[in-house]
Protein backbone atom coordinates (compact mmCIF):
# COMPACT_ATOMS: atom_id res chain seq x y z
CA MET A 1 0.00 0.00 0.00
CA THR A 2 1.39 3.39 -1.00
CA PRO A 3 1.40 5.98 1.79
CA ARG A 4 -0.79 8.99 1.24
CA PHE A 5 0.89 12.18 2.34
CA PHE A 6 -1.92 14.62 1.70
CA SER A 7 -4.58 14.92 4.34
CA SER A 8 -7.95 15.98 3.00
CA ASN A 9 -8.77 16.88 6.60
CA SER A 10 -6.49 19.91 6.42
CA SER A 11 -7.83 22.91 8.28
CA GLN A 12 -7.55 24.86 5.01
CA ILE A 13 -6.48 28.01 6.81
CA TYR A 14 -4.29 29.10 3.89
CA VAL A 15 -6.54 28.14 0.96
CA SER A 16 -7.76 31.71 0.40
CA LEU A 17 -4.19 33.00 0.43
CA TRP A 18 -2.88 30.36 -1.97
CA SER A 19 -5.92 30.95 -4.20
CA LYS A 20 -4.99 34.62 -4.41
CA TYR A 21 -1.48 33.69 -5.59
CA ARG A 22 -2.54 30.80 -7.84
CA PRO A 23 -2.11 32.71 -11.15
CA ALA A 24 1.45 33.68 -10.18
CA ILE A 25 2.25 30.13 -9.00
CA LEU A 26 1.00 28.71 -12.31
CA LYS A 27 3.32 31.09 -14.18
CA LEU A 28 6.19 29.92 -11.98
CA MET A 29 5.36 26.30 -12.75
CA VAL A 30 5.31 26.94 -16.50
CA ALA A 31 8.62 28.84 -16.35
CA ALA A 32 10.25 26.27 -14.02
CA GLY A 33 11.41 24.29 -17.06
CA GLU A 34 13.99 27.03 -17.57
CA GLY A 35 15.22 26.83 -13.96
CA THR A 36 14.06 27.53 -10.43
CA GLN A 37 11.55 30.35 -10.21
CA GLN A 38 10.95 32.49 -7.13
CA TYR A 39 8.14 34.69 -5.86
CA LYS A 40 8.27 36.85 -2.73
CA LEU A 41 5.19 36.53 -0.53
CA PHE A 42 4.21 38.74 2.40
CA ASP A 43 4.79 37.31 5.87
CA HIS A 44 1.97 39.36 7.41
CA GLU A 45 -0.58 37.56 5.21
CA PHE A 46 0.40 34.20 6.71
CA LYS A 47 0.71 35.55 10.25
CA THR A 48 -2.72 37.19 10.07
CA LEU A 49 -4.33 33.88 9.08
CA ASN A 50 -2.58 31.83 11.76
CA PRO A 51 -0.64 33.90 14.33
CA LYS A 52 0.05 30.86 16.54
CA GLU A 53 1.97 29.03 13.79
CA LYS A 54 5.71 28.86 14.48
CA GLY A 55 6.97 27.51 11.17
CA TYR A 56 5.38 28.32 7.85
CA THR A 57 8.28 26.89 5.87
CA PHE A 58 8.03 23.69 3.86
CA THR A 59 9.39 21.74 0.95
CA MET A 60 6.89 19.74 -1.06
CA GLN A 61 7.54 17.55 -4.06
CA ALA A 62 4.38 16.92 -6.05
CA PHE A 63 3.64 14.65 -8.99
CA LYS A 64 0.41 13.33 -10.51
CA GLY A 65 -1.83 15.12 -8.02
CA ARG A 66 -0.12 14.09 -4.81
CA ALA A 67 2.76 14.97 -2.56
CA MET A 68 5.77 12.70 -2.96
CA ASN A 69 7.12 13.62 0.47
CA ASP A 70 5.42 13.83 3.86
CA ILE A 71 3.55 17.15 4.25
CA ARG A 72 1.15 16.04 6.97
CA LYS A 73 2.71 18.43 9.50
CA SER A 74 2.58 21.46 7.19
CA ALA A 75 -0.82 23.08 6.76
CA THR A 76 0.76 25.62 4.38
CA ALA A 77 1.97 22.85 2.06
CA GLN A 78 -1.27 20.86 2.29
CA ASP A 79 -3.34 23.91 1.43
CA LEU A 80 -1.07 24.80 -1.49
CA LEU A 81 -1.51 21.30 -2.92
CA HIS A 82 -5.27 21.55 -2.38
CA VAL A 83 -5.40 24.84 -4.34
CA LEU A 84 -3.20 23.47 -7.13
CA LEU A 85 -5.45 20.44 -7.54
CA GLN A 86 -8.44 22.77 -8.04
CA SER A 87 -6.72 24.19 -11.12
CA LYS A 88 -6.97 22.32 -14.42
CA THR A 89 -3.70 23.89 -15.61
CA ALA A 90 -1.79 22.97 -12.44
CA SER A 91 -3.21 19.44 -12.49
CA GLU A 92 -2.05 18.99 -16.09
CA LEU A 93 1.41 20.31 -15.23
CA LEU A 94 1.65 17.97 -12.23
CA ASP A 95 0.53 15.04 -14.38
CA GLY A 96 3.32 15.80 -16.83
CA GLY A 97 6.17 16.32 -14.39
CA LYS A 98 7.40 16.48 -10.84
CA TYR A 99 7.67 19.87 -9.15
CA GLU A 100 9.28 21.01 -5.95
CA PHE A 101 7.74 23.88 -3.99
CA THR A 102 9.72 25.47 -1.16
CA LEU A 103 8.64 28.29 1.15
CA ASP A 104 11.62 29.65 3.10
CA LYS A 105 11.86 31.73 6.27
CA GLN A 106 11.86 34.93 4.21
CA PHE A 107 8.53 33.86 2.68
CA THR A 108 10.03 33.35 -0.76
CA LEU A 109 8.27 30.61 -2.69
CA SER A 110 10.59 28.68 -5.00
CA VAL A 111 9.25 26.40 -7.73
CA SER A 112 11.45 23.91 -9.56
CA ALA A 113 10.74 21.31 -12.20
CA VAL A 114 12.41 18.10 -11.03
CA GLN A 115 13.76 15.52 -13.44
CA ALA A 116 11.87 12.27 -12.88
CA GLU A 117 14.90 10.24 -13.91
CA PRO A 118 18.44 11.55 -14.19
CA GLU A 119 19.48 11.54 -17.81
CA ALA A 120 23.02 10.67 -18.77
CA GLU A 121 24.75 13.76 -20.02
CA THR A 122 26.71 13.36 -23.20
CA GLU A 123 30.07 15.03 -23.47
CA GLN A 124 30.77 16.94 -26.62
CA ALA A 125 34.36 17.33 -27.80
């Protein structure tokens, strides 16, 4: 049995915030094929929604509509995945490739396209 790392019982505190940024996140996902993309978020938006939270940071790898790593302890990551799965465009992108989403302590969201399998690089002389 494959473990399921996304809890549909998430409190969904951050869904409205992630929904607001969804268009920008989709652009980051599309551009991630050219390298890691970053977007600066506002810390006060997160702190207003959940002032008791100590750590908003997370790293989530997602592919085919689910998290590939354990995000059960991160409501911010769970809610981001929930919002992405509500988007047809994001769902299609996640079906076609693996993405890594990281929110750091400075509230910078980084989005990277992750190679599913490392390809052997050919050396050119």
